[in-house]
C-alpha cells in the first residue's frame, strides 16, 4: 500500500511546475529592459491562435527608457483563463510601471519575470473587494 501511494504521488507531481523566476531588483530590471515607462492599459485584444500572449494598447504617462510605443505584448491570457503558472492578466484601465524586453519578433513584451509594478490595479479581484 505504501508503494502504491508513493507511485501515485510521483506520477501526479511530474507535470506540476511553478513559475520559476526570481523577482529582479529595480536596477537590474531597468538595465535589462528595452522599454521602461509608467503606462495605462487602454485596451486588450484576445489571444491569437496558439499565441502565448496578447496585445494591449497603452498610453505612456511617463517614458523612462526606450521609444514611444502604442502597444505592448503581455505574456498571459486575455480572458484571464488558466494557462501556465507564469501567465499574467492585466485588464484595461490598469496603471503600472512596465519593464518590457523586445522579443525576436520585434514586439515589446512584459510578463511575470520581466518585472512589473502595479500602480493602480483595476482587475477582477479589486472589484470583488
N, C-alpha and C. Protein backbone atom coordinates (compact mmCIF):
# COMPACT_ATOMS: atom_id res chain seq x y z
N UNK A 1 0.82 -1.20 0.00
CA UNK A 1 0.00 0.00 0.00
C UNK A 1 0.87 1.26 0.00
N UNK A 2 1.95 1.24 0.75
CA UNK A 2 2.84 2.40 0.83
C UNK A 2 3.48 2.69 -0.52
N UNK A 3 3.87 1.63 -1.25
CA UNK A 3 4.48 1.80 -2.56
C UNK A 3 3.47 2.37 -3.56
N UNK A 4 2.24 1.95 -3.50
CA UNK A 4 1.21 2.47 -4.40
C UNK A 4 1.01 3.97 -4.16
N UNK A 5 0.98 4.36 -2.89
CA UNK A 5 0.84 5.77 -2.56
C UNK A 5 2.03 6.58 -3.07
N UNK A 6 3.23 6.07 -2.91
CA UNK A 6 4.42 6.76 -3.39
C UNK A 6 4.41 6.90 -4.91
N UNK A 7 4.04 5.85 -5.60
CA UNK A 7 3.98 5.89 -7.07
C UNK A 7 2.93 6.90 -7.53
N UNK A 8 1.78 6.91 -6.87
CA UNK A 8 0.71 7.85 -7.22
C UNK A 8 1.17 9.30 -7.03
N UNK A 9 1.80 9.59 -5.91
CA UNK A 9 2.30 10.94 -5.65
C UNK A 9 3.34 11.33 -6.68
N UNK A 10 4.22 10.41 -7.04
CA UNK A 10 5.24 10.69 -8.04
C UNK A 10 4.62 11.00 -9.39
N UNK A 11 3.65 10.22 -9.82
CA UNK A 11 3.02 10.42 -11.12
C UNK A 11 2.28 11.76 -11.20
N UNK A 12 1.62 12.16 -10.12
CA UNK A 12 0.91 13.43 -10.13
C UNK A 12 1.85 14.62 -10.03
N UNK A 13 3.03 14.44 -9.52
CA UNK A 13 3.95 15.57 -9.36
C UNK A 13 4.81 15.83 -10.59
N UNK A 14 4.80 14.94 -11.57
CA UNK A 14 5.64 15.10 -12.76
C UNK A 14 5.30 16.36 -13.53
N UNK A 15 4.03 16.64 -13.75
CA UNK A 15 3.62 17.78 -14.57
C UNK A 15 3.38 19.06 -13.81
N UNK A 16 3.75 19.14 -12.55
CA UNK A 16 3.49 20.33 -11.75
C UNK A 16 4.76 21.15 -11.62
N UNK A 17 4.74 22.33 -12.24
CA UNK A 17 5.88 23.23 -12.17
C UNK A 17 5.38 24.63 -11.88
N UNK A 18 6.02 25.30 -10.97
CA UNK A 18 5.66 26.69 -10.67
C UNK A 18 6.48 27.61 -11.55
N UNK A 19 6.01 28.82 -11.69
CA UNK A 19 6.76 29.82 -12.43
C UNK A 19 8.08 30.03 -11.70
N UNK A 20 9.16 29.89 -12.43
CA UNK A 20 10.47 29.93 -11.80
C UNK A 20 11.27 31.15 -12.27
N UNK A 21 11.15 32.23 -11.54
CA UNK A 21 11.98 33.39 -11.79
C UNK A 21 12.09 34.18 -10.50
N UNK A 22 13.26 34.61 -10.22
CA UNK A 22 13.46 35.45 -9.03
C UNK A 22 13.06 36.87 -9.38
N UNK A 23 12.33 37.52 -8.48
CA UNK A 23 11.99 38.91 -8.77
C UNK A 23 13.26 39.75 -8.84
N UNK A 24 13.52 40.34 -10.00
CA UNK A 24 14.77 41.12 -10.14
C UNK A 24 14.71 42.42 -9.35
N UNK A 25 15.86 42.90 -8.95
CA UNK A 25 15.95 44.19 -8.27
C UNK A 25 15.67 45.29 -9.29
N UNK A 26 15.25 46.44 -8.81
CA UNK A 26 14.82 47.53 -9.70
C UNK A 26 15.93 47.96 -10.65
N UNK A 27 17.18 47.99 -10.20
CA UNK A 27 18.27 48.40 -11.09
C UNK A 27 18.51 47.37 -12.18
N UNK A 28 18.38 46.10 -11.83
CA UNK A 28 18.57 45.04 -12.82
C UNK A 28 17.42 45.04 -13.82
N UNK A 29 16.18 45.23 -13.34
CA UNK A 29 15.03 45.31 -14.24
C UNK A 29 15.23 46.44 -15.25
N UNK A 30 15.67 47.58 -14.76
CA UNK A 30 15.84 48.75 -15.63
C UNK A 30 16.93 48.51 -16.67
N UNK A 31 18.08 48.01 -16.25
CA UNK A 31 19.19 47.84 -17.19
C UNK A 31 18.93 46.74 -18.21
N UNK A 32 18.18 45.71 -17.84
CA UNK A 32 17.91 44.61 -18.76
C UNK A 32 16.75 44.89 -19.71
N UNK A 33 15.98 45.92 -19.44
CA UNK A 33 14.79 46.22 -20.24
C UNK A 33 15.12 47.14 -21.41
N UNK A 34 14.36 46.96 -22.50
CA UNK A 34 14.49 47.82 -23.67
C UNK A 34 13.51 49.00 -23.60
N UNK A 35 12.48 48.84 -22.76
CA UNK A 35 11.44 49.86 -22.61
C UNK A 35 11.00 49.89 -21.15
N UNK A 36 11.00 51.07 -20.56
CA UNK A 36 10.52 51.24 -19.19
C UNK A 36 9.66 52.50 -19.17
N UNK A 37 8.44 52.35 -18.68
CA UNK A 37 7.53 53.50 -18.66
C UNK A 37 6.42 53.30 -17.65
N UNK A 38 5.87 54.42 -17.20
CA UNK A 38 4.64 54.43 -16.43
C UNK A 38 3.53 54.44 -17.49
N UNK A 39 2.73 53.38 -17.53
CA UNK A 39 1.72 53.26 -18.59
C UNK A 39 0.34 52.97 -18.01
N UNK A 40 -0.65 53.23 -18.82
CA UNK A 40 -2.02 52.83 -18.54
C UNK A 40 -2.45 51.90 -19.66
N UNK A 41 -3.00 50.75 -19.30
CA UNK A 41 -3.52 49.81 -20.30
C UNK A 41 -4.87 50.35 -20.78
N UNK A 42 -4.97 50.64 -22.07
CA UNK A 42 -6.19 51.20 -22.62
C UNK A 42 -7.15 50.13 -23.11
N UNK A 43 -6.62 49.14 -23.84
CA UNK A 43 -7.46 48.12 -24.45
C UNK A 43 -6.64 46.84 -24.58
N UNK A 44 -7.29 45.70 -24.34
CA UNK A 44 -6.60 44.42 -24.56
C UNK A 44 -7.32 43.67 -25.68
N UNK A 45 -6.54 42.90 -26.41
CA UNK A 45 -7.05 42.13 -27.54
C UNK A 45 -6.98 40.64 -27.21
N UNK A 46 -7.89 39.84 -27.73
CA UNK A 46 -7.85 38.40 -27.45
C UNK A 46 -6.56 37.75 -27.96
N UNK A 47 -6.15 36.70 -27.27
CA UNK A 47 -5.00 35.93 -27.73
C UNK A 47 -5.28 35.39 -29.12
N UNK A 48 -4.29 35.48 -29.99
CA UNK A 48 -4.40 34.87 -31.30
C UNK A 48 -4.16 33.37 -31.14
N UNK A 49 -4.57 32.61 -32.11
CA UNK A 49 -4.46 31.15 -32.04
C UNK A 49 -3.03 30.71 -31.70
N UNK A 50 -2.91 29.90 -30.67
CA UNK A 50 -1.64 29.31 -30.21
C UNK A 50 -0.60 30.33 -29.77
N UNK A 51 -1.00 31.57 -29.52
CA UNK A 51 -0.08 32.59 -29.02
C UNK A 51 -0.01 32.50 -27.50
N UNK A 52 1.16 32.79 -26.96
CA UNK A 52 1.36 32.73 -25.51
C UNK A 52 1.14 34.08 -24.85
N UNK A 53 0.61 35.02 -25.58
CA UNK A 53 0.36 36.34 -25.03
C UNK A 53 -0.66 37.08 -25.85
N UNK A 54 -0.93 38.30 -25.42
CA UNK A 54 -1.92 39.11 -26.12
C UNK A 54 -1.43 40.55 -26.22
N UNK A 55 -1.98 41.25 -27.18
CA UNK A 55 -1.61 42.63 -27.42
C UNK A 55 -2.45 43.54 -26.52
N UNK A 56 -1.81 44.59 -26.01
CA UNK A 56 -2.51 45.58 -25.21
C UNK A 56 -2.11 46.97 -25.68
N UNK A 57 -3.09 47.81 -25.99
CA UNK A 57 -2.81 49.21 -26.31
C UNK A 57 -2.51 49.94 -25.02
N UNK A 58 -1.53 50.84 -25.09
CA UNK A 58 -1.12 51.56 -23.89
C UNK A 58 -1.09 53.06 -24.11
N UNK A 59 -1.19 53.79 -23.02
CA UNK A 59 -0.93 55.23 -23.01
C UNK A 59 0.29 55.41 -22.12
N UNK A 60 1.30 56.08 -22.64
CA UNK A 60 2.51 56.32 -21.86
C UNK A 60 2.30 57.57 -21.02
N UNK A 61 2.29 57.40 -19.71
CA UNK A 61 2.15 58.53 -18.79
C UNK A 61 3.51 59.21 -18.58
N UNK A 62 4.55 58.39 -18.51
CA UNK A 62 5.91 58.91 -18.38
C UNK A 62 6.87 57.86 -18.92
N UNK A 63 7.70 58.25 -19.88
CA UNK A 63 8.67 57.35 -20.50
C UNK A 63 10.01 57.51 -19.81
N UNK A 64 10.57 56.38 -19.36
CA UNK A 64 11.86 56.40 -18.68
C UNK A 64 12.99 55.87 -19.56
N UNK A 65 12.66 54.94 -20.45
CA UNK A 65 13.68 54.33 -21.29
C UNK A 65 13.01 53.75 -22.53
N UNK A 66 13.64 53.91 -23.67
CA UNK A 66 13.13 53.33 -24.91
C UNK A 66 12.37 54.33 -25.75
N UNK A 67 11.63 53.78 -26.70
CA UNK A 67 10.89 54.61 -27.65
C UNK A 67 9.41 54.66 -27.29
N UNK A 68 8.71 55.65 -27.86
CA UNK A 68 7.27 55.73 -27.65
C UNK A 68 6.58 54.57 -28.34
N UNK A 69 5.79 53.84 -27.58
CA UNK A 69 5.05 52.69 -28.12
C UNK A 69 3.56 52.94 -28.00
N UNK A 70 2.81 52.34 -28.90
CA UNK A 70 1.35 52.41 -28.84
C UNK A 70 0.77 51.15 -28.22
N UNK A 71 1.55 50.05 -28.26
CA UNK A 71 1.06 48.79 -27.70
C UNK A 71 2.24 47.94 -27.22
N UNK A 72 1.92 47.01 -26.33
CA UNK A 72 2.89 46.05 -25.83
C UNK A 72 2.26 44.66 -25.87
N UNK A 73 3.07 43.66 -25.67
CA UNK A 73 2.65 42.27 -25.68
C UNK A 73 2.69 41.76 -24.24
N UNK A 74 1.59 41.23 -23.75
CA UNK A 74 1.51 40.72 -22.37
C UNK A 74 1.51 39.20 -22.43
N UNK A 75 2.48 38.58 -21.75
CA UNK A 75 2.58 37.13 -21.73
C UNK A 75 1.56 36.58 -20.75
N UNK A 76 0.50 36.04 -21.28
CA UNK A 76 -0.59 35.50 -20.48
C UNK A 76 -1.82 35.31 -21.35
N UNK A 77 -2.97 35.27 -20.69
CA UNK A 77 -4.23 35.06 -21.40
C UNK A 77 -5.12 36.28 -21.23
N UNK A 78 -5.66 36.75 -22.32
CA UNK A 78 -6.51 37.94 -22.30
C UNK A 78 -7.84 37.68 -21.59
N UNK A 79 -8.27 36.43 -21.54
CA UNK A 79 -9.54 36.10 -20.89
C UNK A 79 -9.37 35.75 -19.41
N UNK A 80 -8.14 35.90 -18.90
CA UNK A 80 -7.80 35.59 -17.51
C UNK A 80 -8.00 34.11 -17.20
N UNK A 81 -7.96 33.28 -18.24
CA UNK A 81 -8.10 31.85 -18.05
C UNK A 81 -6.81 31.23 -17.55
N UNK A 82 -6.87 29.94 -17.30
CA UNK A 82 -5.72 29.22 -16.79
C UNK A 82 -4.80 28.85 -17.94
N UNK A 83 -3.56 29.26 -17.82
CA UNK A 83 -2.53 28.92 -18.79
C UNK A 83 -1.38 28.31 -18.02
N UNK A 84 -0.21 28.89 -18.16
CA UNK A 84 0.92 28.42 -17.36
C UNK A 84 0.96 29.21 -16.05
N UNK A 85 1.80 28.78 -15.14
CA UNK A 85 1.90 29.46 -13.85
C UNK A 85 2.57 30.82 -13.98
N UNK A 86 3.20 31.10 -15.11
CA UNK A 86 3.85 32.40 -15.33
C UNK A 86 2.94 33.39 -16.05
N UNK A 87 1.77 32.97 -16.47
CA UNK A 87 0.86 33.86 -17.19
C UNK A 87 0.33 34.96 -16.28
N UNK A 88 0.20 36.15 -16.86
CA UNK A 88 -0.41 37.26 -16.14
C UNK A 88 -1.57 37.80 -16.96
N UNK A 89 -2.47 38.47 -16.30
CA UNK A 89 -3.59 39.14 -16.96
C UNK A 89 -3.62 40.56 -16.44
N UNK A 90 -3.57 41.52 -17.34
CA UNK A 90 -3.64 42.93 -16.97
C UNK A 90 -4.86 43.53 -17.65
N UNK A 91 -5.91 43.82 -16.90
CA UNK A 91 -7.12 44.36 -17.51
C UNK A 91 -6.96 45.81 -17.94
N UNK A 92 -7.88 46.27 -18.76
CA UNK A 92 -7.89 47.66 -19.19
C UNK A 92 -8.03 48.57 -17.98
N UNK A 93 -7.52 49.78 -18.10
CA UNK A 93 -7.55 50.82 -17.07
C UNK A 93 -6.58 50.57 -15.92
N UNK A 94 -5.66 49.63 -16.08
CA UNK A 94 -4.66 49.38 -15.06
C UNK A 94 -3.45 50.28 -15.32
N UNK A 95 -2.95 50.89 -14.26
CA UNK A 95 -1.74 51.72 -14.35
C UNK A 95 -0.60 50.94 -13.73
N UNK A 96 0.56 50.94 -14.42
CA UNK A 96 1.70 50.18 -13.93
C UNK A 96 3.00 50.72 -14.50
N UNK A 97 4.08 50.32 -13.86
CA UNK A 97 5.41 50.55 -14.43
C UNK A 97 5.72 49.28 -15.21
N UNK A 98 5.92 49.43 -16.51
CA UNK A 98 6.18 48.28 -17.38
C UNK A 98 7.66 48.23 -17.74
N UNK A 99 8.26 47.07 -17.52
CA UNK A 99 9.64 46.80 -17.91
C UNK A 99 9.56 45.80 -19.04
N UNK A 100 9.70 46.25 -20.27
CA UNK A 100 9.50 45.38 -21.43
C UNK A 100 10.82 45.07 -22.13
N UNK A 101 10.87 43.87 -22.68
CA UNK A 101 12.03 43.41 -23.44
C UNK A 101 11.56 43.12 -24.86
N UNK A 102 12.34 43.55 -25.84
CA UNK A 102 11.99 43.32 -27.24
C UNK A 102 12.28 41.86 -27.58
N UNK A 103 11.26 41.16 -28.09
CA UNK A 103 11.45 39.74 -28.42
C UNK A 103 11.93 39.58 -29.86
N UNK A 104 12.13 38.35 -30.27
CA UNK A 104 12.69 38.06 -31.60
C UNK A 104 11.78 38.50 -32.74
N UNK A 105 10.49 38.68 -32.45
CA UNK A 105 9.54 39.12 -33.48
C UNK A 105 9.41 40.64 -33.54
N UNK A 106 10.16 41.34 -32.68
CA UNK A 106 10.12 42.79 -32.68
C UNK A 106 9.08 43.40 -31.77
N UNK A 107 8.36 42.55 -31.01
CA UNK A 107 7.35 43.04 -30.07
C UNK A 107 7.98 43.29 -28.71
N UNK A 108 7.51 44.29 -28.02
CA UNK A 108 7.95 44.55 -26.66
C UNK A 108 7.00 43.82 -25.71
N UNK A 109 7.55 42.94 -24.90
CA UNK A 109 6.72 42.09 -24.05
C UNK A 109 6.99 42.25 -22.57
N UNK A 110 5.91 42.12 -21.80
CA UNK A 110 6.01 42.12 -20.34
C UNK A 110 5.39 40.84 -19.82
N UNK A 111 5.88 40.40 -18.68
CA UNK A 111 5.35 39.19 -18.08
C UNK A 111 5.75 39.09 -16.62
N UNK A 112 5.47 37.95 -16.04
CA UNK A 112 5.75 37.72 -14.63
C UNK A 112 7.22 37.93 -14.31
N UNK A 113 8.10 37.50 -15.17
CA UNK A 113 9.54 37.55 -14.89
C UNK A 113 10.22 38.82 -15.39
N UNK A 114 9.54 39.62 -16.21
CA UNK A 114 10.18 40.83 -16.72
C UNK A 114 10.19 41.95 -15.68
N UNK A 115 9.29 41.86 -14.75
CA UNK A 115 9.20 42.88 -13.72
C UNK A 115 8.16 43.92 -14.05
N UNK A 116 7.10 43.93 -13.30
CA UNK A 116 6.08 44.95 -13.43
C UNK A 116 5.76 45.45 -12.03
N UNK A 117 5.30 46.67 -11.94
CA UNK A 117 4.91 47.22 -10.65
C UNK A 117 3.56 47.91 -10.85
N UNK A 118 2.54 47.34 -10.22
CA UNK A 118 1.20 47.91 -10.34
C UNK A 118 1.09 49.19 -9.54
N UNK A 119 0.55 50.23 -10.18
CA UNK A 119 0.29 51.50 -9.50
C UNK A 119 -1.18 51.61 -9.15
N UNK A 120 -2.05 51.11 -10.03
CA UNK A 120 -3.49 51.09 -9.80
C UNK A 120 -4.04 49.89 -10.57
N UNK A 121 -4.27 48.80 -9.84
CA UNK A 121 -4.76 47.57 -10.47
C UNK A 121 -6.28 47.59 -10.49
N UNK A 122 -6.86 47.62 -11.69
CA UNK A 122 -8.31 47.69 -11.84
C UNK A 122 -8.89 46.33 -12.19
N UNK A 123 -8.31 45.29 -11.68
CA UNK A 123 -8.69 43.94 -12.06
C UNK A 123 -9.87 43.37 -11.29
N UNK A 124 -10.16 42.14 -11.60
CA UNK A 124 -11.29 41.40 -11.07
C UNK A 124 -11.26 41.33 -9.54
N UNK A 125 -10.11 41.02 -8.98
CA UNK A 125 -10.03 40.82 -7.54
C UNK A 125 -10.29 42.12 -6.78
N UNK A 126 -9.80 43.22 -7.31
CA UNK A 126 -10.02 44.51 -6.65
C UNK A 126 -11.50 44.86 -6.66
N UNK A 127 -12.19 44.57 -7.76
CA UNK A 127 -13.62 44.88 -7.86
C UNK A 127 -14.42 44.03 -6.88
N UNK A 128 -13.98 42.81 -6.64
CA UNK A 128 -14.68 41.93 -5.70
C UNK A 128 -14.53 42.44 -4.28
N UNK A 129 -13.37 43.04 -3.95
CA UNK A 129 -13.17 43.54 -2.60
C UNK A 129 -14.01 44.77 -2.38
